[in-house]
Amino acid sequence: MPLPMLIARRVGPRALVQHARAISSSAVNSAGYWNKDWRPADDPPATEEAKRAAAKKYGMIPEDYETYKNDGTGYGDYPKLPIVSAESRDPHALYDFPELKRNFGEPLHVDADMYGEDRWDRSKRLRIPYHVMLTWFLGVIGITATLFMLSEYVRVNPTRRMPKPLYNDGKKHYTFELEDVE
């Protein structure tokens, strides 16, 4: 028996209908928390009161709220957050969305799509720094290229070859006549 039928039998169809009506009416009657409500304002807040309102809008305390410079990027009053990749967050914490390592209402970084768990982890400390990796890479490629170029010009174990049989040196190199085999 499907699960909704089991629930309907235990609770009763009347209670389910009342619950469905309560959910739909609250969603229809409340105009808050739509995408338009989370859209950043066009300009950063200018006054302290506007800054407090913007911090409240994004669920932050006013002391931590800081905006990007108004340089035409269009970020408006969106908060300037530190870059913390999803892979670097605590794997054992109880998140509201564990597959994304996020909590409900938590503001995202402007470039959050770049720092997901399946993408680049910027805050990860590498065992070997990038400049050492680059040095080793260029060293291996350089040594390989040098050995290849040297092997083209210098023969370590030259092979002995017969002179090329040219047709105009006066010698007979081949013939089409039959041999007498006795």
N, C-alpha and C. Protein backbone atom coordinates (compact mmCIF):
# COMPACT_ATOMS: atom_id res chain seq x y z
N MET A 1 0.85 -1.17 0.00
CA MET A 1 0.00 0.00 0.00
C MET A 1 0.90 1.24 0.00
N PRO A 2 0.61 2.22 -0.85
CA PRO A 2 1.44 3.43 -0.90
C PRO A 2 1.42 4.19 0.43
N LEU A 3 2.50 4.90 0.64
CA LEU A 3 2.66 5.64 1.89
C LEU A 3 1.59 6.71 2.12
N PRO A 4 1.17 7.49 1.11
CA PRO A 4 0.12 8.48 1.38
C PRO A 4 -1.20 7.86 1.84
N MET A 5 -1.50 6.65 1.35
CA MET A 5 -2.72 5.98 1.79
C MET A 5 -2.62 5.56 3.25
N LEU A 6 -1.43 5.12 3.65
CA LEU A 6 -1.24 4.75 5.05
C LEU A 6 -1.40 5.97 5.96
N ILE A 7 -0.85 7.09 5.53
CA ILE A 7 -0.97 8.31 6.32
C ILE A 7 -2.43 8.75 6.38
N ALA A 8 -3.12 8.66 5.25
CA ALA A 8 -4.53 9.06 5.21
C ALA A 8 -5.37 8.18 6.12
N ARG A 9 -5.07 6.91 6.21
CA ARG A 9 -5.85 6.03 7.06
C ARG A 9 -5.61 6.32 8.54
N ARG A 10 -4.35 6.64 8.89
CA ARG A 10 -4.05 6.91 10.30
C ARG A 10 -4.59 8.26 10.75
N VAL A 11 -4.34 9.28 9.94
CA VAL A 11 -4.72 10.63 10.33
C VAL A 11 -6.16 10.92 9.97
N GLY A 12 -6.55 10.44 8.83
CA GLY A 12 -7.91 10.72 8.37
C GLY A 12 -7.86 11.74 7.25
N PRO A 13 -8.77 11.61 6.29
CA PRO A 13 -8.73 12.52 5.14
C PRO A 13 -9.07 13.95 5.50
N ARG A 14 -9.86 14.16 6.51
CA ARG A 14 -10.25 15.52 6.88
C ARG A 14 -9.05 16.31 7.40
N ALA A 15 -8.21 15.66 8.22
CA ALA A 15 -7.03 16.35 8.76
C ALA A 15 -6.04 16.67 7.65
N LEU A 16 -5.91 15.77 6.66
CA LEU A 16 -5.00 16.02 5.55
C LEU A 16 -5.46 17.21 4.72
N VAL A 17 -6.74 17.32 4.48
CA VAL A 17 -7.28 18.44 3.70
C VAL A 17 -7.06 19.75 4.44
N GLN A 18 -7.31 19.74 5.75
CA GLN A 18 -7.09 20.96 6.53
C GLN A 18 -5.62 21.36 6.51
N HIS A 19 -4.73 20.38 6.62
CA HIS A 19 -3.28 20.68 6.58
C HIS A 19 -2.88 21.24 5.21
N ALA A 20 -3.41 20.68 4.14
CA ALA A 20 -3.10 21.17 2.79
C ALA A 20 -3.61 22.59 2.60
N ARG A 21 -4.81 22.87 3.13
CA ARG A 21 -5.34 24.24 3.01
C ARG A 21 -4.49 25.23 3.80
N ALA A 22 -4.01 24.83 4.98
CA ALA A 22 -3.18 25.73 5.79
C ALA A 22 -1.87 26.04 5.08
N ILE A 23 -1.28 25.04 4.46
CA ILE A 23 -0.02 25.26 3.75
C ILE A 23 -0.24 26.18 2.56
N SER A 24 -1.27 25.91 1.76
CA SER A 24 -1.48 26.71 0.55
C SER A 24 -1.88 28.14 0.89
N SER A 25 -2.68 28.33 1.93
CA SER A 25 -3.11 29.69 2.25
C SER A 25 -1.96 30.51 2.80
N SER A 26 -1.06 29.88 3.56
CA SER A 26 0.07 30.66 4.08
C SER A 26 1.03 31.03 2.96
N ALA A 27 1.16 30.16 1.96
CA ALA A 27 2.04 30.47 0.85
C ALA A 27 1.45 31.56 -0.04
N VAL A 28 0.14 31.57 -0.18
CA VAL A 28 -0.49 32.56 -1.04
C VAL A 28 -0.58 33.90 -0.34
N ASN A 29 -0.89 33.90 0.95
CA ASN A 29 -1.13 35.15 1.65
C ASN A 29 0.15 35.91 2.00
N SER A 30 1.25 35.21 2.16
CA SER A 30 2.48 35.92 2.52
C SER A 30 3.23 36.30 1.26
N ALA A 31 3.57 37.56 1.14
CA ALA A 31 4.28 38.04 -0.05
C ALA A 31 5.77 38.10 0.20
N GLY A 32 6.23 37.69 1.36
CA GLY A 32 7.65 37.79 1.68
C GLY A 32 8.43 36.56 1.26
N TYR A 33 9.72 36.74 1.22
CA TYR A 33 10.68 35.68 0.94
C TYR A 33 10.52 35.09 -0.45
N TRP A 34 10.32 35.94 -1.40
CA TRP A 34 10.35 35.53 -2.79
C TRP A 34 11.73 35.91 -3.31
N ASN A 35 12.01 35.53 -4.53
CA ASN A 35 13.31 35.87 -5.12
C ASN A 35 13.53 37.37 -5.20
N LYS A 36 12.47 38.11 -5.44
CA LYS A 36 12.61 39.56 -5.54
C LYS A 36 13.02 40.18 -4.20
N ASP A 37 12.68 39.52 -3.08
CA ASP A 37 13.05 40.04 -1.78
C ASP A 37 14.53 39.84 -1.48
N TRP A 38 15.15 38.85 -2.10
CA TRP A 38 16.57 38.58 -1.86
C TRP A 38 17.46 39.25 -2.88
N ARG A 39 16.88 39.89 -3.87
CA ARG A 39 17.67 40.56 -4.89
C ARG A 39 18.44 41.72 -4.27
N PRO A 40 19.73 41.85 -4.56
CA PRO A 40 20.48 42.97 -3.99
C PRO A 40 19.99 44.31 -4.53
N ALA A 41 20.09 45.31 -3.67
CA ALA A 41 19.74 46.67 -4.10
C ALA A 41 20.78 47.15 -5.12
N ASP A 42 20.40 48.16 -5.88
CA ASP A 42 21.29 48.62 -6.94
C ASP A 42 22.53 49.33 -6.41
N ASP A 43 22.40 50.05 -5.29
CA ASP A 43 23.52 50.80 -4.73
C ASP A 43 23.82 50.30 -3.33
N PRO A 44 25.09 50.37 -2.90
CA PRO A 44 25.42 50.01 -1.52
C PRO A 44 24.76 50.98 -0.55
N PRO A 45 24.49 50.55 0.68
CA PRO A 45 23.83 51.45 1.63
C PRO A 45 24.73 52.64 1.99
N ALA A 46 24.11 53.81 2.05
CA ALA A 46 24.88 55.02 2.32
C ALA A 46 24.83 55.40 3.80
N THR A 47 23.70 55.20 4.45
CA THR A 47 23.56 55.59 5.85
C THR A 47 23.74 54.36 6.74
N GLU A 48 23.91 54.66 8.03
CA GLU A 48 24.09 53.58 9.01
C GLU A 48 22.80 52.77 9.16
N GLU A 49 21.67 53.42 9.08
CA GLU A 49 20.40 52.72 9.20
C GLU A 49 20.16 51.80 7.99
N ALA A 50 20.51 52.28 6.81
CA ALA A 50 20.39 51.44 5.61
C ALA A 50 21.35 50.26 5.69
N LYS A 51 22.52 50.48 6.28
CA LYS A 51 23.48 49.39 6.45
C LYS A 51 22.94 48.34 7.41
N ARG A 52 22.31 48.78 8.48
CA ARG A 52 21.71 47.82 9.43
C ARG A 52 20.58 47.04 8.77
N ALA A 53 19.76 47.73 7.97
CA ALA A 53 18.66 47.05 7.29
C ALA A 53 19.18 46.02 6.29
N ALA A 54 20.24 46.37 5.57
CA ALA A 54 20.81 45.42 4.61
C ALA A 54 21.45 44.24 5.32
N ALA A 55 22.10 44.49 6.46
CA ALA A 55 22.69 43.39 7.23
C ALA A 55 21.60 42.46 7.74
N LYS A 56 20.49 43.01 8.17
CA LYS A 56 19.37 42.19 8.63
C LYS A 56 18.77 41.39 7.48
N LYS A 57 18.71 42.01 6.32
CA LYS A 57 18.17 41.35 5.13
C LYS A 57 18.96 40.09 4.79
N TYR A 58 20.29 40.14 4.98
CA TYR A 58 21.14 39.00 4.66
C TYR A 58 21.46 38.13 5.87
N GLY A 59 20.83 38.41 7.02
CA GLY A 59 21.02 37.57 8.20
C GLY A 59 22.39 37.72 8.84
N MET A 60 22.95 38.92 8.79
CA MET A 60 24.28 39.18 9.36
C MET A 60 24.17 40.23 10.44
N ILE A 61 25.20 40.32 11.27
CA ILE A 61 25.24 41.40 12.24
C ILE A 61 25.89 42.61 11.56
N PRO A 62 25.50 43.82 11.94
CA PRO A 62 26.02 45.01 11.25
C PRO A 62 27.54 45.15 11.31
N GLU A 63 28.18 44.62 12.35
CA GLU A 63 29.64 44.73 12.46
C GLU A 63 30.35 43.91 11.40
N ASP A 64 29.75 42.79 10.98
CA ASP A 64 30.36 41.93 9.97
C ASP A 64 29.96 42.29 8.55
N TYR A 65 28.97 43.15 8.41
CA TYR A 65 28.46 43.48 7.08
C TYR A 65 29.37 44.49 6.40
N GLU A 66 29.85 44.12 5.22
CA GLU A 66 30.68 45.01 4.40
C GLU A 66 30.30 44.75 2.95
N THR A 67 30.24 45.80 2.14
CA THR A 67 29.83 45.64 0.74
C THR A 67 31.03 45.78 -0.18
N TYR A 68 30.81 45.39 -1.43
CA TYR A 68 31.83 45.59 -2.46
C TYR A 68 31.85 47.06 -2.86
N LYS A 69 32.96 47.49 -3.42
CA LYS A 69 33.03 48.87 -3.92
C LYS A 69 32.07 49.02 -5.09
N ASN A 70 31.52 50.20 -5.22
CA ASN A 70 30.59 50.48 -6.31
C ASN A 70 31.40 50.82 -7.57
N ASP A 71 31.94 49.77 -8.21
CA ASP A 71 32.79 49.97 -9.38
C ASP A 71 32.11 49.52 -10.67
N GLY A 72 30.79 49.34 -10.62
CA GLY A 72 30.06 48.97 -11.82
C GLY A 72 29.88 47.48 -12.01
N THR A 73 30.26 46.66 -11.02
CA THR A 73 30.07 45.22 -11.14
C THR A 73 28.62 44.82 -10.94
N GLY A 74 27.85 45.64 -10.27
CA GLY A 74 26.44 45.36 -10.08
C GLY A 74 26.13 44.55 -8.84
N TYR A 75 27.05 44.48 -7.89
CA TYR A 75 26.80 43.71 -6.67
C TYR A 75 25.91 44.47 -5.69
N GLY A 76 25.84 45.78 -5.80
CA GLY A 76 24.95 46.58 -4.97
C GLY A 76 25.21 46.42 -3.49
N ASP A 77 24.17 46.03 -2.71
CA ASP A 77 24.34 45.92 -1.26
C ASP A 77 24.65 44.48 -0.83
N TYR A 78 25.02 43.64 -1.78
CA TYR A 78 25.34 42.25 -1.42
C TYR A 78 26.60 42.22 -0.56
N PRO A 79 26.63 41.40 0.50
CA PRO A 79 27.77 41.44 1.41
C PRO A 79 29.04 40.84 0.80
N LYS A 80 30.15 41.42 1.19
CA LYS A 80 31.46 40.92 0.77
C LYS A 80 31.87 39.85 1.78
N LEU A 81 31.82 38.61 1.36
CA LEU A 81 32.08 37.49 2.26
C LEU A 81 33.46 36.89 1.98
N PRO A 82 34.08 36.28 2.99
CA PRO A 82 35.37 35.62 2.73
C PRO A 82 35.16 34.37 1.87
N ILE A 83 36.18 34.01 1.13
CA ILE A 83 36.09 32.84 0.27
C ILE A 83 36.41 31.60 1.09
N VAL A 84 35.41 30.77 1.28
CA VAL A 84 35.57 29.48 1.95
C VAL A 84 34.94 28.44 1.05
N SER A 85 35.75 27.56 0.51
CA SER A 85 35.23 26.54 -0.39
C SER A 85 34.40 25.52 0.39
N ALA A 86 33.46 24.90 -0.29
CA ALA A 86 32.59 23.91 0.35
C ALA A 86 33.40 22.71 0.82
N GLU A 87 34.45 22.37 0.11
CA GLU A 87 35.27 21.22 0.48
C GLU A 87 36.05 21.47 1.77
N SER A 88 36.32 22.74 2.08
CA SER A 88 37.08 23.07 3.28
C SER A 88 36.20 23.22 4.51
N ARG A 89 34.89 23.18 4.35
CA ARG A 89 34.01 23.31 5.51
C ARG A 89 34.00 22.00 6.29
N ASP A 90 33.55 22.08 7.54
CA ASP A 90 33.57 20.93 8.44
C ASP A 90 32.68 19.81 7.88
N PRO A 91 33.26 18.64 7.59
CA PRO A 91 32.45 17.56 7.02
C PRO A 91 31.52 16.90 8.03
N HIS A 92 31.74 17.10 9.33
CA HIS A 92 30.94 16.44 10.35
C HIS A 92 29.87 17.34 10.96
N ALA A 93 29.76 18.58 10.48
CA ALA A 93 28.74 19.49 11.01
C ALA A 93 27.37 19.08 10.50
N LEU A 94 26.34 19.42 11.24
CA LEU A 94 24.97 19.12 10.84
C LEU A 94 24.42 20.31 10.05
N TYR A 95 24.45 20.18 8.74
CA TYR A 95 23.97 21.24 7.86
C TYR A 95 22.50 21.00 7.53
N ASP A 96 21.80 22.09 7.19
CA ASP A 96 20.43 21.95 6.72
C ASP A 96 20.40 21.29 5.34
N PHE A 97 21.39 21.58 4.52
CA PHE A 97 21.56 20.97 3.21
C PHE A 97 22.92 20.29 3.18
N PRO A 98 23.02 19.05 3.67
CA PRO A 98 24.34 18.42 3.79
C PRO A 98 25.03 18.17 2.46
N GLU A 99 24.26 18.00 1.38
CA GLU A 99 24.91 17.75 0.09
C GLU A 99 25.62 18.99 -0.44
N LEU A 100 25.22 20.17 0.02
CA LEU A 100 25.86 21.42 -0.39
C LEU A 100 26.70 22.04 0.72
N LYS A 101 26.66 21.44 1.91
CA LYS A 101 27.31 21.98 3.11
C LYS A 101 26.89 23.43 3.35
N ARG A 102 25.58 23.63 3.42
CA ARG A 102 25.00 24.96 3.63
C ARG A 102 23.91 24.88 4.67
N ASN A 103 23.63 26.00 5.30
CA ASN A 103 22.52 26.13 6.23
C ASN A 103 21.48 27.05 5.63
N PHE A 104 20.25 26.92 6.07
CA PHE A 104 19.16 27.73 5.56
C PHE A 104 19.39 29.20 5.91
N GLY A 105 19.22 30.07 4.94
CA GLY A 105 19.35 31.50 5.17
C GLY A 105 20.79 32.00 5.20
N GLU A 106 21.74 31.14 4.98
CA GLU A 106 23.15 31.54 5.01
C GLU A 106 23.49 32.25 3.71
N PRO A 107 24.08 33.45 3.78
CA PRO A 107 24.42 34.14 2.53
C PRO A 107 25.56 33.43 1.81
N LEU A 108 25.50 33.44 0.50
CA LEU A 108 26.52 32.82 -0.33
C LEU A 108 27.52 33.86 -0.80
N HIS A 109 28.70 33.41 -1.12
CA HIS A 109 29.68 34.29 -1.76
C HIS A 109 29.19 34.63 -3.16
N VAL A 110 29.62 35.75 -3.69
CA VAL A 110 29.18 36.17 -5.02
C VAL A 110 29.57 35.11 -6.06
N ASP A 111 30.74 34.53 -5.92
CA ASP A 111 31.21 33.50 -6.85
C ASP A 111 31.05 32.10 -6.26
N ALA A 112 29.94 31.84 -5.60
CA ALA A 112 29.75 30.56 -4.92
C ALA A 112 29.73 29.39 -5.89
N ASP A 113 29.34 29.63 -7.13
CA ASP A 113 29.32 28.54 -8.10
C ASP A 113 30.72 28.05 -8.44
N MET A 114 31.75 28.86 -8.17
CA MET A 114 33.12 28.44 -8.43
C MET A 114 33.71 27.61 -7.31
N TYR A 115 33.14 27.69 -6.11
CA TYR A 115 33.76 27.07 -4.94
C TYR A 115 32.93 25.94 -4.37
N GLY A 116 32.18 25.24 -5.21
CA GLY A 116 31.43 24.08 -4.74
C GLY A 116 32.36 22.92 -4.44
N GLU A 117 31.79 21.85 -3.91
CA GLU A 117 32.62 20.71 -3.52
C GLU A 117 33.17 19.96 -4.72
N ASP A 118 32.55 20.11 -5.87
CA ASP A 118 33.03 19.45 -7.07
C ASP A 118 33.92 20.36 -7.92
N ARG A 119 34.32 21.48 -7.35
CA ARG A 119 35.14 22.42 -8.10
C ARG A 119 36.38 22.80 -7.30
N TRP A 120 36.97 23.93 -7.63
CA TRP A 120 38.25 24.33 -7.07
C TRP A 120 38.13 24.65 -5.59
N ASP A 121 39.07 24.14 -4.79
CA ASP A 121 39.10 24.41 -3.36
C ASP A 121 40.20 25.44 -3.12
N ARG A 122 39.81 26.70 -3.02
CA ARG A 122 40.80 27.77 -2.91
C ARG A 122 41.46 27.81 -1.55
N SER A 123 40.73 27.45 -0.50
CA SER A 123 41.29 27.58 0.84
C SER A 123 42.06 26.34 1.29
N LYS A 124 42.26 25.40 0.41
CA LYS A 124 43.01 24.19 0.75
C LYS A 124 44.50 24.48 0.77
N ARG A 125 45.17 23.99 1.81
CA ARG A 125 46.62 24.13 1.88
C ARG A 125 47.24 22.93 1.18
N LEU A 126 48.06 23.20 0.21
CA LEU A 126 48.69 22.14 -0.57
C LEU A 126 49.90 21.58 0.16
N ARG A 127 50.17 20.30 -0.08
CA ARG A 127 51.34 19.69 0.52
C ARG A 127 52.60 20.24 -0.14
N ILE A 128 52.53 20.48 -1.44
CA ILE A 128 53.65 21.05 -2.19
C ILE A 128 53.16 22.36 -2.80
N PRO A 129 53.87 23.47 -2.59
CA PRO A 129 53.40 24.75 -3.14
C PRO A 129 53.44 24.77 -4.67
N TYR A 130 52.67 25.70 -5.24
CA TYR A 130 52.57 25.78 -6.69
C TYR A 130 53.91 26.07 -7.36
N HIS A 131 54.75 26.93 -6.76
CA HIS A 131 56.01 27.26 -7.43
C HIS A 131 56.94 26.05 -7.47
N VAL A 132 56.87 25.17 -6.49
CA VAL A 132 57.69 23.95 -6.52
C VAL A 132 57.15 23.00 -7.59
N MET A 133 55.82 22.88 -7.68
CA MET A 133 55.22 22.04 -8.72
C MET A 133 55.60 22.54 -10.12
N LEU A 134 55.54 23.86 -10.31
CA LEU A 134 55.89 24.43 -11.61
C LEU A 134 57.36 24.19 -11.93
N THR A 135 58.24 24.33 -10.93
CA THR A 135 59.67 24.09 -11.14
C THR A 135 59.92 22.65 -11.56
N TRP A 136 59.30 21.70 -10.87
CA TRP A 136 59.48 20.29 -11.23
C TRP A 136 58.92 20.00 -12.62
N PHE A 137 57.78 20.54 -12.94
CA PHE A 137 57.18 20.31 -14.26
C PHE A 137 58.08 20.84 -15.37
N LEU A 138 58.52 22.10 -15.23
CA LEU A 138 59.38 22.68 -16.26
C LEU A 138 60.72 21.95 -16.33
N GLY A 139 61.23 21.49 -15.19
CA GLY A 139 62.48 20.74 -15.19
C GLY A 139 62.36 19.42 -15.94
N VAL A 140 61.31 18.67 -15.68
CA VAL A 140 61.13 17.38 -16.37
C VAL A 140 60.91 17.59 -17.87
N ILE A 141 60.06 18.55 -18.22
CA ILE A 141 59.82 18.83 -19.64
C ILE A 141 61.09 19.33 -20.31
N GLY A 142 61.85 20.19 -19.64
CA GLY A 142 63.09 20.72 -20.22
C GLY A 142 64.13 19.63 -20.43
N ILE A 143 64.30 18.75 -19.45
CA ILE A 143 65.28 17.66 -19.60
C ILE A 143 64.85 16.71 -20.71
N THR A 144 63.57 16.40 -20.79
CA THR A 144 63.08 15.51 -21.84
C THR A 144 63.28 16.14 -23.22
N ALA A 145 62.98 17.41 -23.35
CA ALA A 145 63.16 18.09 -24.64
C ALA A 145 64.63 18.17 -25.01
N THR A 146 65.50 18.43 -24.04
CA THR A 146 66.93 18.50 -24.32
C THR A 146 67.47 17.14 -24.78
N LEU A 147 67.10 16.07 -24.10
CA LEU A 147 67.54 14.73 -24.51
C LEU A 147 67.01 14.37 -25.89
N PHE A 148 65.77 14.75 -26.18
CA PHE A 148 65.22 14.47 -27.50
C PHE A 148 66.01 15.20 -28.59
N MET A 149 66.30 16.49 -28.36
CA MET A 149 67.03 17.26 -29.37
C MET A 149 68.46 16.75 -29.53
N LEU A 150 69.09 16.37 -28.45
CA LEU A 150 70.44 15.81 -28.55
C LEU A 150 70.44 14.48 -29.30
N SER A 151 69.43 13.67 -29.09
CA SER A 151 69.39 12.38 -29.77
C SER A 151 69.16 12.53 -31.27
N GLU A 152 68.64 13.66 -31.70
CA GLU A 152 68.46 13.88 -33.13
C GLU A 152 69.78 14.20 -33.81
N TYR A 153 70.72 14.82 -33.11
CA TYR A 153 71.97 15.24 -33.72
C TYR A 153 73.16 14.36 -33.35
N VAL A 154 73.19 13.85 -32.17
CA VAL A 154 74.31 13.05 -31.71
C VAL A 154 73.86 11.60 -31.61
N ARG A 155 74.56 10.71 -32.32
CA ARG A 155 74.25 9.30 -32.26
C ARG A 155 75.13 8.65 -31.21
N VAL A 156 74.53 8.09 -30.20
CA VAL A 156 75.29 7.45 -29.13
C VAL A 156 75.87 6.13 -29.63
N ASN A 157 75.07 5.35 -30.33
CA ASN A 157 75.53 4.08 -30.87
C ASN A 157 75.21 4.08 -32.36
N PRO A 158 76.11 4.66 -33.17
CA PRO A 158 75.79 4.76 -34.60
C PRO A 158 75.76 3.38 -35.25
N THR A 159 74.85 3.16 -36.13
CA THR A 159 74.77 1.89 -36.85
C THR A 159 75.57 2.00 -38.14
N ARG A 160 76.23 0.91 -38.52
CA ARG A 160 77.00 0.90 -39.77
C ARG A 160 76.03 0.61 -40.91
N ARG A 161 76.16 1.40 -41.95
CA ARG A 161 75.26 1.26 -43.06
C ARG A 161 76.06 1.06 -44.35
N MET A 162 75.46 0.34 -45.24
CA MET A 162 76.06 0.16 -46.56
C MET A 162 75.83 1.44 -47.36
N PRO A 163 76.72 1.73 -48.29
CA PRO A 163 76.47 2.90 -49.14
C PRO A 163 75.23 2.69 -49.99
N LYS A 164 74.58 3.74 -50.30
CA LYS A 164 73.35 3.64 -51.08
C LYS A 164 73.69 3.18 -52.51
N PRO A 165 72.95 2.21 -52.99
CA PRO A 165 73.21 1.75 -54.36
C PRO A 165 72.59 2.69 -55.38
N LEU A 166 73.43 3.49 -55.98
CA LEU A 166 72.95 4.44 -56.98
C LEU A 166 73.12 3.82 -58.37
N TYR A 167 72.25 4.13 -59.27
CA TYR A 167 72.26 3.49 -60.58
C TYR A 167 73.31 4.06 -61.52
N ASN A 168 73.92 5.18 -61.19
CA ASN A 168 74.85 5.78 -62.15
C ASN A 168 76.30 5.71 -61.68
N ASP A 169 76.63 4.81 -60.79
CA ASP A 169 78.03 4.73 -60.35
C ASP A 169 78.84 3.74 -61.20
N GLY A 170 78.22 3.14 -62.23
CA GLY A 170 78.94 2.26 -63.14
C GLY A 170 78.92 0.80 -62.73
N LYS A 171 78.46 0.47 -61.61
CA LYS A 171 78.39 -0.92 -61.18
C LYS A 171 77.02 -1.49 -61.49
N LYS A 172 77.01 -2.84 -61.60
CA LYS A 172 75.76 -3.52 -61.84
C LYS A 172 75.29 -4.07 -60.49
N HIS A 173 74.20 -3.50 -59.98
CA HIS A 173 73.73 -3.89 -58.65
C HIS A 173 72.69 -5.01 -58.72
N TYR A 174 71.99 -5.12 -59.84
CA TYR A 174 70.98 -6.16 -59.97
C TYR A 174 70.80 -6.47 -61.45
N THR A 175 70.20 -7.59 -61.67
CA THR A 175 69.96 -8.02 -63.05
C THR A 175 68.65 -8.79 -63.13
N PHE A 176 68.09 -8.82 -64.33
CA PHE A 176 66.86 -9.56 -64.54
C PHE A 176 67.09 -10.86 -65.30
N GLU A 177 68.35 -11.19 -65.49
CA GLU A 177 68.68 -12.41 -66.23
C GLU A 177 68.65 -13.61 -65.31
N LEU A 178 68.33 -14.75 -65.87
CA LEU A 178 68.25 -15.97 -65.11
C LEU A 178 69.66 -16.50 -64.83
N GLU A 179 69.85 -17.03 -63.68
CA GLU A 179 71.13 -17.64 -63.34
C GLU A 179 71.11 -19.11 -63.70
N ASP A 180 72.25 -19.61 -64.02
CA ASP A 180 72.36 -21.05 -64.27
C ASP A 180 72.67 -21.71 -62.95
N VAL A 181 71.78 -22.49 -62.53
CA VAL A 181 71.98 -23.21 -61.27
C VAL A 181 72.30 -24.66 -61.62
N GLU A 182 73.43 -25.15 -61.18
CA GLU A 182 73.84 -26.50 -61.49
C GLU A 182 73.89 -27.35 -60.28
